[in-house]
Amino acid sequence: MCLVALFFAAFLIGLIWLVVGDLPKIEYHYVLEQILDCEPAREDPDLVARTERLDALKAVEALTLREAALATVDAELRATA
């Protein structure tokens, strides 16, 4: 009975390694051009303007966060000095 259990365990371990070994073969790397069609975005001036405005707002937000962090560090340094 122990031999049957050992044989079955070895079979299951081999089957798991077979399935796990095939997983990297299933993975596919997509390229941005396959997901997005960029041509219509270039043809729509309203969409381009909104995208540029969003990029500008993100840049302003990043600068604001950086200035706030610098002010916090400056205040902490002045408090310890």
PDB file of N, CA and C in Angstrom:
ATOM      1  N   MET A   1       0.820  -1.188   0.000  1.00  0.00           N
ATOM      2  CA  MET A   1       0.000   0.000   0.000  1.00  0.00           C
ATOM      3  C   MET A   1       0.870   1.260   0.000  1.00  0.00           C
ATOM      4  N   CYS A   2       1.980   1.220   0.741  1.00  0.00           N
ATOM      5  CA  CYS A   2       2.881   2.368   0.772  1.00  0.00           C
ATOM      6  C   CYS A   2       3.493   2.621  -0.598  1.00  0.00           C
ATOM      7  N   LEU A   3       3.781   1.563  -1.337  1.00  0.00           N
ATOM      8  CA  LEU A   3       4.349   1.737  -2.677  1.00  0.00           C
ATOM      9  C   LEU A   3       3.357   2.424  -3.606  1.00  0.00           C
ATOM     10  N   VAL A   4       2.090   2.064  -3.486  1.00  0.00           N
ATOM     11  CA  VAL A   4       1.068   2.700  -4.312  1.00  0.00           C
ATOM     12  C   VAL A   4       0.979   4.189  -3.965  1.00  0.00           C
ATOM     13  N   ALA A   5       1.025   4.531  -2.667  1.00  0.00           N
ATOM     14  CA  ALA A   5       0.962   5.923  -2.243  1.00  0.00           C
ATOM     15  C   ALA A   5       2.181   6.696  -2.749  1.00  0.00           C
ATOM     16  N   LEU A   6       3.352   6.116  -2.665  1.00  0.00           N
ATOM     17  CA  LEU A   6       4.564   6.771  -3.155  1.00  0.00           C
ATOM     18  C   LEU A   6       4.513   6.964  -4.671  1.00  0.00           C
ATOM     19  N   PHE A   7       4.022   5.958  -5.376  1.00  0.00           N
ATOM     20  CA  PHE A   7       3.909   6.061  -6.833  1.00  0.00           C
ATOM     21  C   PHE A   7       2.926   7.171  -7.204  1.00  0.00           C
ATOM     22  N   PHE A   8       1.790   7.234  -6.494  1.00  0.00           N
ATOM     23  CA  PHE A   8       0.793   8.260  -6.769  1.00  0.00           C
ATOM     24  C   PHE A   8       1.334   9.651  -6.444  1.00  0.00           C
ATOM     25  N   ALA A   9       2.063   9.795  -5.352  1.00  0.00           N
ATOM     26  CA  ALA A   9       2.669  11.076  -4.988  1.00  0.00           C
ATOM     27  C   ALA A   9       3.678  11.510  -6.042  1.00  0.00           C
ATOM     28  N   ALA A  10       4.502  10.575  -6.504  1.00  0.00           N
ATOM     29  CA  ALA A  10       5.475  10.900  -7.551  1.00  0.00           C
ATOM     30  C   ALA A  10       4.776  11.311  -8.836  1.00  0.00           C
ATOM     31  N   PHE A  11       3.665  10.644  -9.148  1.00  0.00           N
ATOM     32  CA  PHE A  11       2.889  10.987 -10.339  1.00  0.00           C
ATOM     33  C   PHE A  11       2.332  12.409 -10.222  1.00  0.00           C
ATOM     34  N   LEU A  12       1.771  12.745  -9.055  1.00  0.00           N
ATOM     35  CA  LEU A  12       1.214  14.087  -8.867  1.00  0.00           C
ATOM     36  C   LEU A  12       2.297  15.162  -8.921  1.00  0.00           C
ATOM     37  N   ILE A  13       3.441  14.900  -8.322  1.00  0.00           N
ATOM     38  CA  ILE A  13       4.542  15.869  -8.363  1.00  0.00           C
ATOM     39  C   ILE A  13       5.021  16.065  -9.798  1.00  0.00           C
ATOM     40  N   GLY A  14       5.140  15.002 -10.541  1.00  0.00           N
ATOM     41  CA  GLY A  14       5.535  15.112 -11.952  1.00  0.00           C
ATOM     42  C   GLY A  14       4.520  15.879 -12.765  1.00  0.00           C
ATOM     43  N   LEU A  15       3.236  15.639 -12.495  1.00  0.00           N
ATOM     44  CA  LEU A  15       2.179  16.343 -13.215  1.00  0.00           C
ATOM     45  C   LEU A  15       2.204  17.838 -12.892  1.00  0.00           C
ATOM     46  N   ILE A  16       2.426  18.184 -11.622  1.00  0.00           N
ATOM     47  CA  ILE A  16       2.509  19.594 -11.233  1.00  0.00           C
ATOM     48  C   ILE A  16       3.690  20.264 -11.915  1.00  0.00           C
ATOM     49  N   TRP A  17       4.853  19.604 -11.938  1.00  0.00           N
ATOM     50  CA  TRP A  17       6.023  20.188 -12.598  1.00  0.00           C
ATOM     51  C   TRP A  17       5.789  20.356 -14.096  1.00  0.00           C
ATOM     52  N   LEU A  18       5.031  19.452 -14.683  1.00  0.00           N
ATOM     53  CA  LEU A  18       4.724  19.560 -16.107  1.00  0.00           C
ATOM     54  C   LEU A  18       3.850  20.784 -16.377  1.00  0.00           C
ATOM     55  N   VAL A  19       2.838  21.000 -15.540  1.00  0.00           N
ATOM     56  CA  VAL A  19       1.945  22.145 -15.717  1.00  0.00           C
ATOM     57  C   VAL A  19       2.688  23.446 -15.438  1.00  0.00           C
ATOM     58  N   VAL A  20       3.443  23.496 -14.345  1.00  0.00           N
ATOM     59  CA  VAL A  20       4.181  24.709 -13.988  1.00  0.00           C
ATOM     60  C   VAL A  20       5.266  24.997 -15.016  1.00  0.00           C
ATOM     61  N   GLY A  21       5.865  23.986 -15.577  1.00  0.00           N
ATOM     62  CA  GLY A  21       6.902  24.178 -16.589  1.00  0.00           C
ATOM     63  C   GLY A  21       6.365  24.773 -17.869  1.00  0.00           C
ATOM     64  N   ASP A  22       5.083  24.546 -18.173  1.00  0.00           N
ATOM     65  CA  ASP A  22       4.482  25.077 -19.390  1.00  0.00           C
ATOM     66  C   ASP A  22       3.962  26.498 -19.227  1.00  0.00           C
ATOM     67  N   LEU A  23       3.896  27.001 -18.007  1.00  0.00           N
ATOM     68  CA  LEU A  23       3.340  28.337 -17.793  1.00  0.00           C
ATOM     69  C   LEU A  23       4.105  29.439 -18.522  1.00  0.00           C
ATOM     70  N   PRO A  24       5.441  29.457 -18.528  1.00  0.00           N
ATOM     71  CA  PRO A  24       6.120  30.538 -19.264  1.00  0.00           C
ATOM     72  C   PRO A  24       5.852  30.505 -20.764  1.00  0.00           C
ATOM     73  N   LYS A  25       5.505  29.360 -21.301  1.00  0.00           N
ATOM     74  CA  LYS A  25       5.222  29.269 -22.739  1.00  0.00           C
ATOM     75  C   LYS A  25       3.890  29.917 -23.073  1.00  0.00           C
ATOM     76  N   ILE A  26       2.996  30.036 -22.083  1.00  0.00           N
ATOM     77  CA  ILE A  26       1.674  30.604 -22.319  1.00  0.00           C
ATOM     78  C   ILE A  26       1.734  32.128 -22.336  1.00  0.00           C
ATOM     79  N   GLU A  27       2.646  32.700 -21.586  1.00  0.00           N
ATOM     80  CA  GLU A  27       2.740  34.152 -21.448  1.00  0.00           C
ATOM     81  C   GLU A  27       3.094  34.792 -22.788  1.00  0.00           C
ATOM     82  N   TYR A  28       2.403  35.891 -23.095  1.00  0.00           N
ATOM     83  CA  TYR A  28       2.664  36.612 -24.336  1.00  0.00           C
ATOM     84  C   TYR A  28       2.867  38.073 -23.999  1.00  0.00           C
ATOM     85  N   HIS A  29       3.879  38.685 -24.540  1.00  0.00           N
ATOM     86  CA  HIS A  29       4.173  40.089 -24.289  1.00  0.00           C
ATOM     87  C   HIS A  29       3.565  40.931 -25.399  1.00  0.00           C
ATOM     88  N   TYR A  30       2.648  41.811 -25.002  1.00  0.00           N
ATOM     89  CA  TYR A  30       2.006  42.688 -25.961  1.00  0.00           C
ATOM     90  C   TYR A  30       2.831  43.952 -26.153  1.00  0.00           C
ATOM     91  N   VAL A  31       2.739  44.512 -27.320  1.00  0.00           N
ATOM     92  CA  VAL A  31       3.379  45.772 -27.658  1.00  0.00           C
ATOM     93  C   VAL A  31       2.285  46.837 -27.653  1.00  0.00           C
ATOM     94  N   LEU A  32       2.645  48.058 -27.292  1.00  0.00           N
ATOM     95  CA  LEU A  32       1.662  49.130 -27.182  1.00  0.00           C
ATOM     96  C   LEU A  32       0.861  49.316 -28.470  1.00  0.00           C
ATOM     97  N   GLU A  33       1.494  49.157 -29.595  1.00  0.00           N
ATOM     98  CA  GLU A  33       0.800  49.347 -30.868  1.00  0.00           C
ATOM     99  C   GLU A  33      -0.287  48.293 -31.090  1.00  0.00           C
ATOM    100  N   GLN A  34      -0.144  47.123 -30.437  1.00  0.00           N
ATOM    101  CA  GLN A  34      -1.171  46.093 -30.577  1.00  0.00           C
ATOM    102  C   GLN A  34      -2.394  46.411 -29.723  1.00  0.00           C
ATOM    103  N   ILE A  35      -2.217  47.176 -28.664  1.00  0.00           N
ATOM    104  CA  ILE A  35      -3.323  47.470 -27.763  1.00  0.00           C
ATOM    105  C   ILE A  35      -4.031  48.756 -28.157  1.00  0.00           C
ATOM    106  N   LEU A  36      -3.257  49.788 -28.455  1.00  0.00           N
ATOM    107  CA  LEU A  36      -3.832  51.091 -28.770  1.00  0.00           C
ATOM    108  C   LEU A  36      -3.628  51.428 -30.240  1.00  0.00           C
ATOM    109  N   ASP A  37      -4.640  52.018 -30.812  1.00  0.00           N
ATOM    110  CA  ASP A  37      -4.524  52.543 -32.165  1.00  0.00           C
ATOM    111  C   ASP A  37      -4.315  54.039 -32.023  1.00  0.00           C
ATOM    112  N   CYS A  38      -3.092  54.500 -32.227  1.00  0.00           N
ATOM    113  CA  CYS A  38      -2.735  55.892 -31.936  1.00  0.00           C
ATOM    114  C   CYS A  38      -3.141  56.866 -33.033  1.00  0.00           C
ATOM    115  N   GLU A  39      -3.430  56.413 -34.200  1.00  0.00           N
ATOM    116  CA  GLU A  39      -3.747  57.308 -35.312  1.00  0.00           C
ATOM    117  C   GLU A  39      -5.004  58.144 -35.069  1.00  0.00           C
ATOM    118  N   PRO A  40      -6.124  57.570 -34.588  1.00  0.00           N
ATOM    119  CA  PRO A  40      -7.305  58.421 -34.371  1.00  0.00           C
ATOM    120  C   PRO A  40      -7.069  59.504 -33.331  1.00  0.00           C
ATOM    121  N   ALA A  41      -6.230  59.265 -32.364  1.00  0.00           N
ATOM    122  CA  ALA A  41      -5.958  60.285 -31.352  1.00  0.00           C
ATOM    123  C   ALA A  41      -5.234  61.475 -31.958  1.00  0.00           C
ATOM    124  N   ARG A  42      -4.403  61.242 -32.928  1.00  0.00           N
ATOM    125  CA  ARG A  42      -3.676  62.341 -33.570  1.00  0.00           C
ATOM    126  C   ARG A  42      -4.588  63.165 -34.472  1.00  0.00           C
ATOM    127  N   GLU A  43      -5.655  62.541 -34.970  1.00  0.00           N
ATOM    128  CA  GLU A  43      -6.547  63.235 -35.888  1.00  0.00           C
ATOM    129  C   GLU A  43      -7.581  64.080 -35.161  1.00  0.00           C
ATOM    130  N   ASP A  44      -7.819  63.824 -33.866  1.00  0.00           N
ATOM    131  CA  ASP A  44      -8.824  64.559 -33.105  1.00  0.00           C
ATOM    132  C   ASP A  44      -8.147  65.684 -32.316  1.00  0.00           C
ATOM    133  N   PRO A  45      -8.253  66.930 -32.789  1.00  0.00           N
ATOM    134  CA  PRO A  45      -7.555  68.023 -32.104  1.00  0.00           C
ATOM    135  C   PRO A  45      -8.093  68.264 -30.689  1.00  0.00           C
ATOM    136  N   ASP A  46      -9.371  68.004 -30.456  1.00  0.00           N
ATOM    137  CA  ASP A  46      -9.931  68.191 -29.114  1.00  0.00           C
ATOM    138  C   ASP A  46      -9.321  67.192 -28.140  1.00  0.00           C
ATOM    139  N   LEU A  47      -9.155  65.966 -28.590  1.00  0.00           N
ATOM    140  CA  LEU A  47      -8.548  64.944 -27.739  1.00  0.00           C
ATOM    141  C   LEU A  47      -7.085  65.258 -27.462  1.00  0.00           C
ATOM    142  N   VAL A  48      -6.384  65.756 -28.456  1.00  0.00           N
ATOM    143  CA  VAL A  48      -4.980  66.138 -28.277  1.00  0.00           C
ATOM    144  C   VAL A  48      -4.873  67.292 -27.284  1.00  0.00           C
ATOM    145  N   ALA A  49      -5.763  68.271 -27.390  1.00  0.00           N
ATOM    146  CA  ALA A  49      -5.735  69.420 -26.479  1.00  0.00           C
ATOM    147  C   ALA A  49      -6.037  68.985 -25.051  1.00  0.00           C
ATOM    148  N   ARG A  50      -7.026  68.090 -24.876  1.00  0.00           N
ATOM    149  CA  ARG A  50      -7.349  67.612 -23.531  1.00  0.00           C
ATOM    150  C   ARG A  50      -6.196  66.810 -22.939  1.00  0.00           C
ATOM    151  N   THR A  51      -5.537  66.025 -23.769  1.00  0.00           N
ATOM    152  CA  THR A  51      -4.404  65.235 -23.292  1.00  0.00           C
ATOM    153  C   THR A  51      -3.250  66.143 -22.881  1.00  0.00           C
ATOM    154  N   GLU A  52      -2.977  67.164 -23.681  1.00  0.00           N
ATOM    155  CA  GLU A  52      -1.910  68.105 -23.331  1.00  0.00           C
ATOM    156  C   GLU A  52      -2.248  68.865 -22.055  1.00  0.00           C
ATOM    157  N   ARG A  53      -3.518  69.235 -21.865  1.00  0.00           N
ATOM    158  CA  ARG A  53      -3.930  69.927 -20.644  1.00  0.00           C
ATOM    159  C   ARG A  53      -3.778  69.015 -19.433  1.00  0.00           C
ATOM    160  N   LEU A  54      -4.140  67.745 -19.588  1.00  0.00           N
ATOM    161  CA  LEU A  54      -3.985  66.787 -18.491  1.00  0.00           C
ATOM    162  C   LEU A  54      -2.521  66.599 -18.133  1.00  0.00           C
ATOM    163  N   ASP A  55      -1.660  66.522 -19.137  1.00  0.00           N
ATOM    164  CA  ASP A  55      -0.218  66.403 -18.873  1.00  0.00           C
ATOM    165  C   ASP A  55       0.303  67.633 -18.131  1.00  0.00           C
ATOM    166  N   ALA A  56      -0.170  68.819 -18.519  1.00  0.00           N
ATOM    167  CA  ALA A  56       0.258  70.040 -17.842  1.00  0.00           C
ATOM    168  C   ALA A  56      -0.228  70.061 -16.393  1.00  0.00           C
ATOM    169  N   LEU A  57      -1.469  69.619 -16.146  1.00  0.00           N
ATOM    170  CA  LEU A  57      -1.991  69.575 -14.781  1.00  0.00           C
ATOM    171  C   LEU A  57      -1.208  68.576 -13.922  1.00  0.00           C
ATOM    172  N   LYS A  58      -0.824  67.463 -14.510  1.00  0.00           N
ATOM    173  CA  LYS A  58      -0.019  66.481 -13.771  1.00  0.00           C
ATOM    174  C   LYS A  58       1.350  67.059 -13.419  1.00  0.00           C
ATOM    175  N   ALA A  59       1.935  67.816 -14.338  1.00  0.00           N
ATOM    176  CA  ALA A  59       3.233  68.432 -14.064  1.00  0.00           C
ATOM    177  C   ALA A  59       3.124  69.463 -12.944  1.00  0.00           C
ATOM    178  N   VAL A  60       2.053  70.259 -12.958  1.00  0.00           N
ATOM    179  CA  VAL A  60       1.840  71.257 -11.905  1.00  0.00           C
ATOM    180  C   VAL A  60       1.632  70.564 -10.564  1.00  0.00           C
ATOM    181  N   GLU A  61       0.866  69.469 -10.565  1.00  0.00           N
ATOM    182  CA  GLU A  61       0.627  68.731  -9.326  1.00  0.00           C
ATOM    183  C   GLU A  61       1.927  68.153  -8.776  1.00  0.00           C
ATOM    184  N   ALA A  62       2.767  67.635  -9.657  1.00  0.00           N
ATOM    185  CA  ALA A  62       4.049  67.084  -9.220  1.00  0.00           C
ATOM    186  C   ALA A  62       4.927  68.177  -8.619  1.00  0.00           C
ATOM    187  N   LEU A  63       4.947  69.351  -9.235  1.00  0.00           N
ATOM    188  CA  LEU A  63       5.724  70.468  -8.687  1.00  0.00           C
ATOM    189  C   LEU A  63       5.178  70.921  -7.339  1.00  0.00           C
ATOM    190  N   THR A  64       3.845  70.946  -7.208  1.00  0.00           N
ATOM    191  CA  THR A  64       3.226  71.348  -5.949  1.00  0.00           C
ATOM    192  C   THR A  64       3.588  70.365  -4.844  1.00  0.00           C
ATOM    193  N   LEU A  65       3.533  69.079  -5.148  1.00  0.00           N
ATOM    194  CA  LEU A  65       3.898  68.066  -4.157  1.00  0.00           C
ATOM    195  C   LEU A  65       5.370  68.180  -3.776  1.00  0.00           C
ATOM    196  N   ARG A  66       6.227  68.447  -4.758  1.00  0.00           N
ATOM    197  CA  ARG A  66       7.655  68.586  -4.483  1.00  0.00           C
ATOM    198  C   ARG A  66       7.910  69.801  -3.599  1.00  0.00           C
ATOM    199  N   GLU A  67       7.218  70.923  -3.904  1.00  0.00           N
ATOM    200  CA  GLU A  67       7.382  72.121  -3.084  1.00  0.00           C
ATOM    201  C   GLU A  67       6.877  71.888  -1.663  1.00  0.00           C
ATOM    202  N   ALA A  68       5.777  71.164  -1.502  1.00  0.00           N
ATOM    203  CA  ALA A  68       5.245  70.865  -0.174  1.00  0.00           C
ATOM    204  C   ALA A  68       6.211  69.988   0.609  1.00  0.00           C
ATOM    205  N   ALA A  69       6.807  69.013  -0.068  1.00  0.00           N
ATOM    206  CA  ALA A  69       7.773  68.140   0.606  1.00  0.00           C
ATOM    207  C   ALA A  69       9.002  68.933   1.027  1.00  0.00           C
ATOM    208  N   LEU A  70       9.479  69.818   0.162  1.00  0.00           N
ATOM    209  CA  LEU A  70      10.637  70.644   0.510  1.00  0.00           C
ATOM    210  C   LEU A  70      10.325  71.581   1.672  1.00  0.00           C
ATOM    211  N   ALA A  71       9.115  72.137   1.701  1.00  0.00           N
ATOM    212  CA  ALA A  71       8.730  73.022   2.799  1.00  0.00           C
ATOM    213  C   ALA A  71       8.660  72.244   4.111  1.00  0.00           C
ATOM    214  N   THR A  72       8.168  71.004   4.055  1.00  0.00           N
ATOM    215  CA  THR A  72       8.098  70.178   5.262  1.00  0.00           C
ATOM    216  C   THR A  72       9.490  69.855   5.778  1.00  0.00           C
ATOM    217  N   VAL A  73      10.387  69.482   4.877  1.00  0.00           N
ATOM    218  CA  VAL A  73      11.767  69.182   5.277  1.00  0.00           C
ATOM    219  C   VAL A  73      12.436  70.433   5.830  1.00  0.00           C
ATOM    220  N   ASP A  74      12.206  71.563   5.190  1.00  0.00           N
ATOM    221  CA  ASP A  74      12.789  72.821   5.663  1.00  0.00           C
ATOM    222  C   ASP A  74      12.286  73.161   7.064  1.00  0.00           C
ATOM    223  N   ALA A  75      10.994  72.986   7.294  1.00  0.00           N
ATOM    224  CA  ALA A  75      10.425  73.274   8.615  1.00  0.00           C
ATOM    225  C   ALA A  75      10.979  72.334   9.673  1.00  0.00           C
ATOM    226  N   GLU A  76      11.160  71.068   9.318  1.00  0.00           N
ATOM    227  CA  GLU A  76      11.731  70.110  10.275  1.00  0.00           C
ATOM    228  C   GLU A  76      13.176  70.439  10.597  1.00  0.00           C
ATOM    229  N   LEU A  77      13.926  70.857   9.582  1.00  0.00           N
ATOM    230  CA  LEU A  77      15.329  71.224   9.820  1.00  0.00           C
ATOM    231  C   LEU A  77      15.433  72.470  10.690  1.00  0.00           C
ATOM    232  N   ARG A  78      14.544  73.447  10.472  1.00  0.00           N
ATOM    233  CA  ARG A  78      14.569  74.655  11.296  1.00  0.00           C
ATOM    234  C   ARG A  78      14.169  74.360  12.735  1.00  0.00           C
ATOM    235  N   ALA A  79      13.246  73.385  12.896  1.00  0.00           N
ATOM    236  CA  ALA A  79      12.783  73.046  14.245  1.00  0.00           C
ATOM    237  C   ALA A  79      13.881  72.324  15.035  1.00  0.00           C
ATOM    238  N   THR A  80      14.690  71.539  14.359  1.00  0.00           N
ATOM    239  CA  THR A  80      15.752  70.797  15.045  1.00  0.00           C
ATOM    240  C   THR A  80      16.991  71.665  15.254  1.00  0.00           C
ATOM    241  N   ALA A  81      17.141  72.730  14.482  1.00  0.00           N
ATOM    242  CA  ALA A  81      18.347  73.556  14.580  1.00  0.00           C
ATOM    243  C   ALA A  81      18.307  74.558  15.696  1.00  0.00           C
TER     244      ALA A  81
END
